[in-house]
Amino acid sequence: MKYLKLVIQIADEYQEPLIAELFDMGFDGFEQRDDQIITYIQKEYFGISDRERIDMLLAAYPDGGFIESEEVVADQNWNQQWEETIKAQTVGNFFIKPTWSQESVPKHKILLEIDPKMSFGTGYHETTRLILNLLPNVITENDFVIDAGTGTGILSIAAIKLGARHAFAFDIDEWSISNTKENILLNGVDENIDVEKGSSEVLSKQNQADVVLANIERNTILEIFSDLDAALKKGGRLVLSGLLEKDKSSILSALEDNYQIVDIPKENEWIAIQAKKTVS
């Protein structure tokens, strides 16, 4: 079987949304490096129109473009190769591992068993780590939590394991919804988490939450912020990430009238914002 290997130049902060687009086009397996994505597709499924579509996608990102493409004659499980790059790791109070890892859970750590399957939220990205490190100081017993742009479901699962009563997770991508459902079953929290495909319009059917988590890029946060705000009760806690340090001023401007800023941790160029809602 002949595969086409593509090497794409794209900055780290833009890789996850591009991977989602390529996955929908039939690409099978992704390797992320600094400013590069390496991916594969069966050659018979890749035509001129697909190349043009990728060119159009890359035009939306700064400095995005092809480095090279080459034909590979092989019959391999590219997803399996990608999975082998996902290793167990400790993030704050949590120990995150895929099901294929044989590593033992360190003492006093909370196990999050996550098989990412191309979804955002493996725990490797700075934005996910920032929120996971904040969660023990955010979640209290019996909280109702909303997880916007859930990815793999990792934040909802972590919230339940910290004592939250229930979580509602949503995402616009079908592959993310499927992956989240698989991961909540792996962690034995399927009775505590509801999952729905859609954007913030799905919140209209939910009660107001004690906690809203949103690990999404800046423009989307600003676009759906009024719905997130309406979904959070007075005194509730808001945690936002998916944000670069340069995004801080615009997000703080959206929060300034109704929220008290609690913390703004940083890792490399990424930040999270923890805030408390002060008005109803």
Protein backbone atom coordinates (compact mmCIF):
# COMPACT_ATOMS: atom_id res chain seq x y z
CA MET A 1 0.00 0.00 0.00
CA LYS A 2 1.34 3.43 -0.96
CA TYR A 3 1.15 6.33 1.46
CA LEU A 4 1.92 9.98 0.96
CA LYS A 5 3.93 11.56 3.74
CA LEU A 6 3.49 15.29 4.25
CA VAL A 7 5.69 17.56 6.35
CA ILE A 8 3.95 20.85 7.12
CA GLN A 9 5.52 23.95 8.61
CA ILE A 10 3.19 25.55 11.17
CA ALA A 11 3.70 27.18 14.57
CA ASP A 12 2.91 25.11 17.65
CA GLU A 13 -0.09 27.19 18.70
CA TYR A 14 -1.86 26.48 15.40
CA GLN A 15 -1.17 22.75 15.14
CA GLU A 16 -4.20 21.37 17.00
CA PRO A 17 -6.89 23.04 14.84
CA LEU A 18 -5.02 22.07 11.66
CA ILE A 19 -4.76 18.45 12.83
CA ALA A 20 -8.54 18.42 13.30
CA GLU A 21 -9.00 19.57 9.69
CA LEU A 22 -6.51 17.02 8.33
CA PHE A 23 -8.11 14.23 10.35
CA ASP A 24 -11.47 15.01 8.73
CA MET A 25 -9.76 14.77 5.32
CA GLY A 26 -8.65 11.20 6.02
CA PHE A 27 -5.07 11.66 7.20
CA ASP A 28 -4.00 8.79 9.40
CA GLY A 29 -1.46 9.47 12.15
CA PHE A 30 0.22 12.67 13.23
CA GLU A 31 3.58 13.50 14.71
CA GLN A 32 4.01 16.96 16.20
CA ARG A 33 7.41 18.58 16.41
CA ASP A 34 8.51 22.14 17.04
CA ASP A 35 6.82 24.11 14.24
CA GLN A 36 6.13 20.95 12.20
CA ILE A 37 3.40 18.38 11.64
CA ILE A 38 4.25 15.07 9.95
CA THR A 39 1.24 13.13 8.71
CA TYR A 40 0.28 10.34 6.28
CA ILE A 41 -2.57 9.50 3.92
CA GLN A 42 -3.15 6.67 1.47
CA LYS A 43 -1.98 8.03 -1.88
CA GLU A 44 -5.11 6.94 -3.74
CA TYR A 45 -7.20 9.17 -1.44
CA PHE A 46 -5.16 12.34 -2.01
CA GLY A 47 -5.82 14.40 -5.09
CA ILE A 48 -5.14 17.87 -6.48
CA SER A 49 -8.25 19.27 -4.79
CA ASP A 50 -7.00 18.01 -1.42
CA ARG A 51 -3.66 19.74 -1.93
CA GLU A 52 -5.48 22.94 -2.83
CA ARG A 53 -7.68 22.65 0.25
CA ILE A 54 -4.62 22.28 2.48
CA ASP A 55 -3.02 25.28 0.78
CA MET A 56 -6.13 27.30 1.58
CA LEU A 57 -6.09 26.14 5.22
CA LEU A 58 -2.43 27.00 5.61
CA ALA A 59 -2.97 30.46 4.14
CA ALA A 60 -5.00 31.30 7.25
CA TYR A 61 -2.01 30.69 9.54
CA PRO A 62 1.10 32.86 9.80
CA ASP A 63 4.08 31.31 7.98
CA GLY A 64 2.26 28.02 7.38
CA GLY A 65 3.27 25.90 4.39
CA PHE A 66 4.59 22.61 3.01
CA ILE A 67 8.18 21.62 3.61
CA GLU A 68 8.08 18.42 1.61
CA SER A 69 5.98 15.49 0.49
CA GLU A 70 7.14 12.03 -0.44
CA GLU A 71 5.69 8.66 -1.36
CA VAL A 72 6.09 5.89 1.20
CA VAL A 73 5.54 2.26 0.27
CA ALA A 74 4.42 0.62 3.46
CA ASP A 75 1.50 -0.94 5.25
CA GLN A 76 1.76 0.47 8.73
CA ASN A 77 -0.54 1.57 11.50
CA TRP A 78 0.41 5.24 11.65
CA ASN A 79 -1.96 5.85 14.56
CA GLN A 80 -0.18 3.12 16.51
CA GLN A 81 3.15 4.78 15.83
CA TRP A 82 1.73 8.08 17.06
CA GLU A 83 0.26 6.45 20.15
CA GLU A 84 3.68 5.11 21.07
CA THR A 85 4.90 8.71 21.44
CA ILE A 86 2.30 9.37 24.18
CA LYS A 87 3.93 8.62 27.51
CA ALA A 88 2.66 8.71 31.09
CA GLN A 89 3.38 11.89 33.01
CA THR A 90 2.68 13.67 36.28
CA VAL A 91 0.95 17.06 36.19
CA GLY A 92 0.36 18.58 39.61
CA ASN A 93 -1.91 16.27 41.61
CA PHE A 94 -2.56 14.04 38.61
CA PHE A 95 -0.87 11.12 36.91
CA ILE A 96 -1.94 10.96 33.26
CA LYS A 97 -1.37 7.80 31.28
CA PRO A 98 -2.73 6.03 28.21
CA THR A 99 -4.10 2.51 28.57
CA TRP A 100 -1.06 1.03 26.84
CA SER A 101 1.32 2.39 29.50
CA GLN A 102 2.43 -0.09 32.17
CA GLU A 103 3.71 2.59 34.56
CA SER A 104 2.44 2.53 38.14
CA VAL A 105 0.55 5.45 39.62
CA PRO A 106 2.82 7.41 42.00
CA LYS A 107 1.73 7.62 45.62
CA HIS A 108 -0.84 10.33 46.39
CA LYS A 109 -1.49 11.07 42.72
CA ILE A 110 -4.92 10.92 41.03
CA LEU A 111 -5.02 8.67 37.96
CA LEU A 112 -6.37 10.11 34.73
CA GLU A 113 -6.42 7.36 32.11
CA ILE A 114 -6.59 9.15 28.76
CA ASP A 115 -6.30 7.66 25.28
CA PRO A 116 -6.14 10.84 23.18
CA LYS A 117 -6.69 9.41 19.67
CA MET A 118 -5.75 12.71 17.99
CA SER A 119 -7.91 14.88 20.27
CA PHE A 120 -6.55 17.88 22.04
CA GLY A 121 -6.00 17.31 25.76
CA THR A 122 -3.30 14.72 26.26
CA GLY A 123 -1.83 16.71 29.14
CA TYR A 124 1.27 17.45 27.10
CA HIS A 125 0.24 20.92 26.03
CA GLU A 126 0.93 23.85 28.34
CA THR A 127 -2.69 25.00 28.36
CA THR A 128 -3.97 21.66 29.66
CA ARG A 129 -1.24 21.51 32.32
CA LEU A 130 -2.03 25.05 33.47
CA ILE A 131 -5.68 24.21 34.14
CA LEU A 132 -4.89 20.85 35.75
CA ASN A 133 -2.53 22.60 38.16
CA LEU A 134 -5.26 25.11 39.07
CA LEU A 135 -8.11 22.61 39.49
CA PRO A 136 -7.40 21.42 43.08
CA ASN A 137 -7.88 25.01 44.25
CA VAL A 138 -10.94 25.54 42.04
CA ILE A 139 -13.10 22.43 42.45
CA THR A 140 -15.06 21.88 45.65
CA GLU A 141 -17.25 18.96 46.66
CA ASN A 142 -20.58 18.66 44.83
CA ASP A 143 -19.73 21.30 42.19
CA PHE A 144 -21.53 21.31 38.85
CA VAL A 145 -18.89 21.92 36.20
CA ILE A 146 -19.15 23.01 32.56
CA ASP A 147 -16.24 22.00 30.30
CA ALA A 148 -16.28 24.03 27.08
CA GLY A 149 -14.29 22.59 24.17
CA THR A 150 -13.67 19.38 26.04
CA GLY A 151 -11.14 17.74 23.65
CA THR A 152 -10.44 14.38 25.30
CA GLY A 153 -12.62 15.07 28.34
CA ILE A 154 -9.56 15.27 30.58
CA LEU A 155 -10.69 18.37 32.50
CA SER A 156 -14.19 17.00 33.18
CA ILE A 157 -12.73 13.71 34.38
CA ALA A 158 -10.22 15.50 36.60
CA ALA A 159 -12.99 17.66 38.11
CA ILE A 160 -15.10 14.62 38.99
CA LYS A 161 -12.12 12.87 40.56
CA LEU A 162 -11.52 15.98 42.69
CA GLY A 163 -15.05 15.72 44.10
CA ALA A 164 -17.31 17.57 41.66
CA ARG A 165 -20.84 16.16 41.55
CA HIS A 166 -21.45 16.41 37.82
CA ALA A 167 -19.94 17.83 34.64
CA PHE A 168 -21.36 18.84 31.29
CA ALA A 169 -18.81 18.68 28.46
CA PHE A 170 -19.31 19.92 24.91
CA ASP A 171 -17.26 20.32 21.74
CA ILE A 172 -17.96 21.09 18.09
CA ASP A 173 -15.92 18.14 16.77
CA GLU A 174 -17.45 14.68 16.43
CA TRP A 175 -14.06 12.97 16.94
CA SER A 176 -13.68 14.82 20.23
CA ILE A 177 -17.13 13.80 21.45
CA SER A 178 -16.42 10.15 20.63
CA ASN A 179 -13.03 10.27 22.33
CA THR A 180 -14.44 11.98 25.43
CA LYS A 181 -17.11 9.28 25.81
CA GLU A 182 -14.43 6.59 25.57
CA ASN A 183 -12.26 8.27 28.19
CA ILE A 184 -15.02 8.83 30.73
CA LEU A 185 -15.81 5.10 30.49
CA LEU A 186 -12.13 4.27 31.01
CA ASN A 187 -12.13 6.34 34.19
CA GLY A 188 -15.44 5.00 35.53
CA VAL A 189 -17.12 8.43 35.66
CA ASP A 190 -19.71 7.96 32.90
CA GLU A 191 -22.59 8.48 35.35
CA ASN A 192 -21.15 11.87 36.35
CA ILE A 193 -20.47 13.45 32.95
CA ASP A 194 -22.84 14.34 30.13
CA VAL A 195 -21.35 15.00 26.70
CA GLU A 196 -22.96 16.86 23.81
CA LYS A 197 -21.81 17.98 20.38
CA GLY A 198 -22.21 21.67 19.67
CA SER A 199 -21.03 25.13 20.59
CA SER A 200 -22.22 27.33 23.44
CA GLU A 201 -25.85 27.18 22.29
CA VAL A 202 -26.07 23.81 24.06
CA LEU A 203 -25.69 25.63 27.40
CA SER A 204 -29.24 26.99 27.21
CA LYS A 205 -30.51 23.62 28.46
CA GLN A 206 -28.18 23.53 31.49
CA ASN A 207 -28.52 24.83 35.01
CA GLN A 208 -26.04 27.48 36.08
CA ALA A 209 -22.68 25.99 37.00
CA ASP A 210 -20.39 26.42 39.99
CA VAL A 211 -17.36 26.19 37.69
CA VAL A 212 -16.82 26.90 33.98
CA LEU A 213 -13.65 25.60 32.31
CA ALA A 214 -12.71 26.66 28.79
CA ASN A 215 -9.44 25.58 27.18
CA ILE A 216 -10.09 27.22 23.82
CA GLU A 217 -8.25 29.80 21.73
CA ARG A 218 -8.85 33.52 22.36
CA ASN A 219 -11.18 34.36 19.48
CA THR A 220 -13.56 31.53 20.32
CA ILE A 221 -13.57 32.44 24.01
CA LEU A 222 -14.51 36.02 23.15
CA GLU A 223 -17.14 34.85 20.66
CA ILE A 224 -18.95 32.61 23.16
CA PHE A 225 -18.11 34.49 26.34
CA SER A 226 -21.62 35.88 26.90
CA ASP A 227 -22.98 32.32 26.90
CA LEU A 228 -20.25 31.09 29.26
CA ASP A 229 -20.92 34.03 31.58
CA ALA A 230 -24.68 33.36 31.58
CA ALA A 231 -24.00 29.71 32.43
CA LEU A 232 -21.98 30.58 35.57
CA LYS A 233 -23.73 31.48 38.83
CA LYS A 234 -22.74 34.43 40.99
CA GLY A 235 -19.70 33.47 43.08
CA GLY A 236 -18.82 30.80 40.54
CA ARG A 237 -15.30 30.12 39.37
CA LEU A 238 -14.11 30.62 35.81
CA VAL A 239 -10.90 29.13 34.40
CA LEU A 240 -9.80 30.04 30.87
CA SER A 241 -6.80 28.83 28.91
CA GLY A 242 -5.79 28.15 25.33
CA LEU A 243 -4.38 31.65 25.62
CA LEU A 244 -1.07 33.21 24.72
CA GLU A 245 0.37 35.91 26.94
CA LYS A 246 -0.40 38.46 24.21
CA ASP A 247 -4.11 37.55 24.58
CA LYS A 248 -4.24 38.58 28.24
CA SER A 249 -5.38 42.19 27.83
CA SER A 250 -8.34 41.37 25.58
CA ILE A 251 -9.57 38.62 27.90
CA LEU A 252 -9.15 40.77 31.00
CA SER A 253 -11.15 43.51 29.30
CA ALA A 254 -14.03 41.06 28.83
CA LEU A 255 -13.85 40.08 32.51
CA GLU A 256 -13.29 43.46 34.16
CA ASP A 257 -16.91 44.39 34.97
CA ASN A 258 -18.16 41.11 36.42
CA TYR A 259 -15.13 39.18 37.63
CA GLN A 260 -12.39 39.29 40.24
CA ILE A 261 -9.09 37.93 38.93
CA VAL A 262 -7.65 35.26 41.24
CA ASP A 263 -4.59 33.97 39.40
CA ILE A 264 -2.86 34.14 36.02
CA PRO A 265 -0.28 31.32 35.89
CA LYS A 266 2.09 31.09 32.93
CA GLU A 267 4.05 28.32 31.22
CA ASN A 268 6.32 29.36 28.37
CA GLU A 269 4.25 31.76 26.24
CA TRP A 270 0.90 30.29 27.41
CA ILE A 271 -1.32 31.53 30.25
CA ALA A 272 -4.46 30.55 32.13
CA ILE A 273 -6.81 32.95 33.90
CA GLN A 274 -8.68 32.01 37.07
CA ALA A 275 -11.46 34.39 38.08
CA LYS A 276 -14.49 34.62 40.39
CA LYS A 277 -17.82 35.96 39.20
CA THR A 278 -18.91 38.88 41.38
CA VAL A 279 -22.35 39.75 39.94
CA SER A 280 -25.45 37.73 39.05
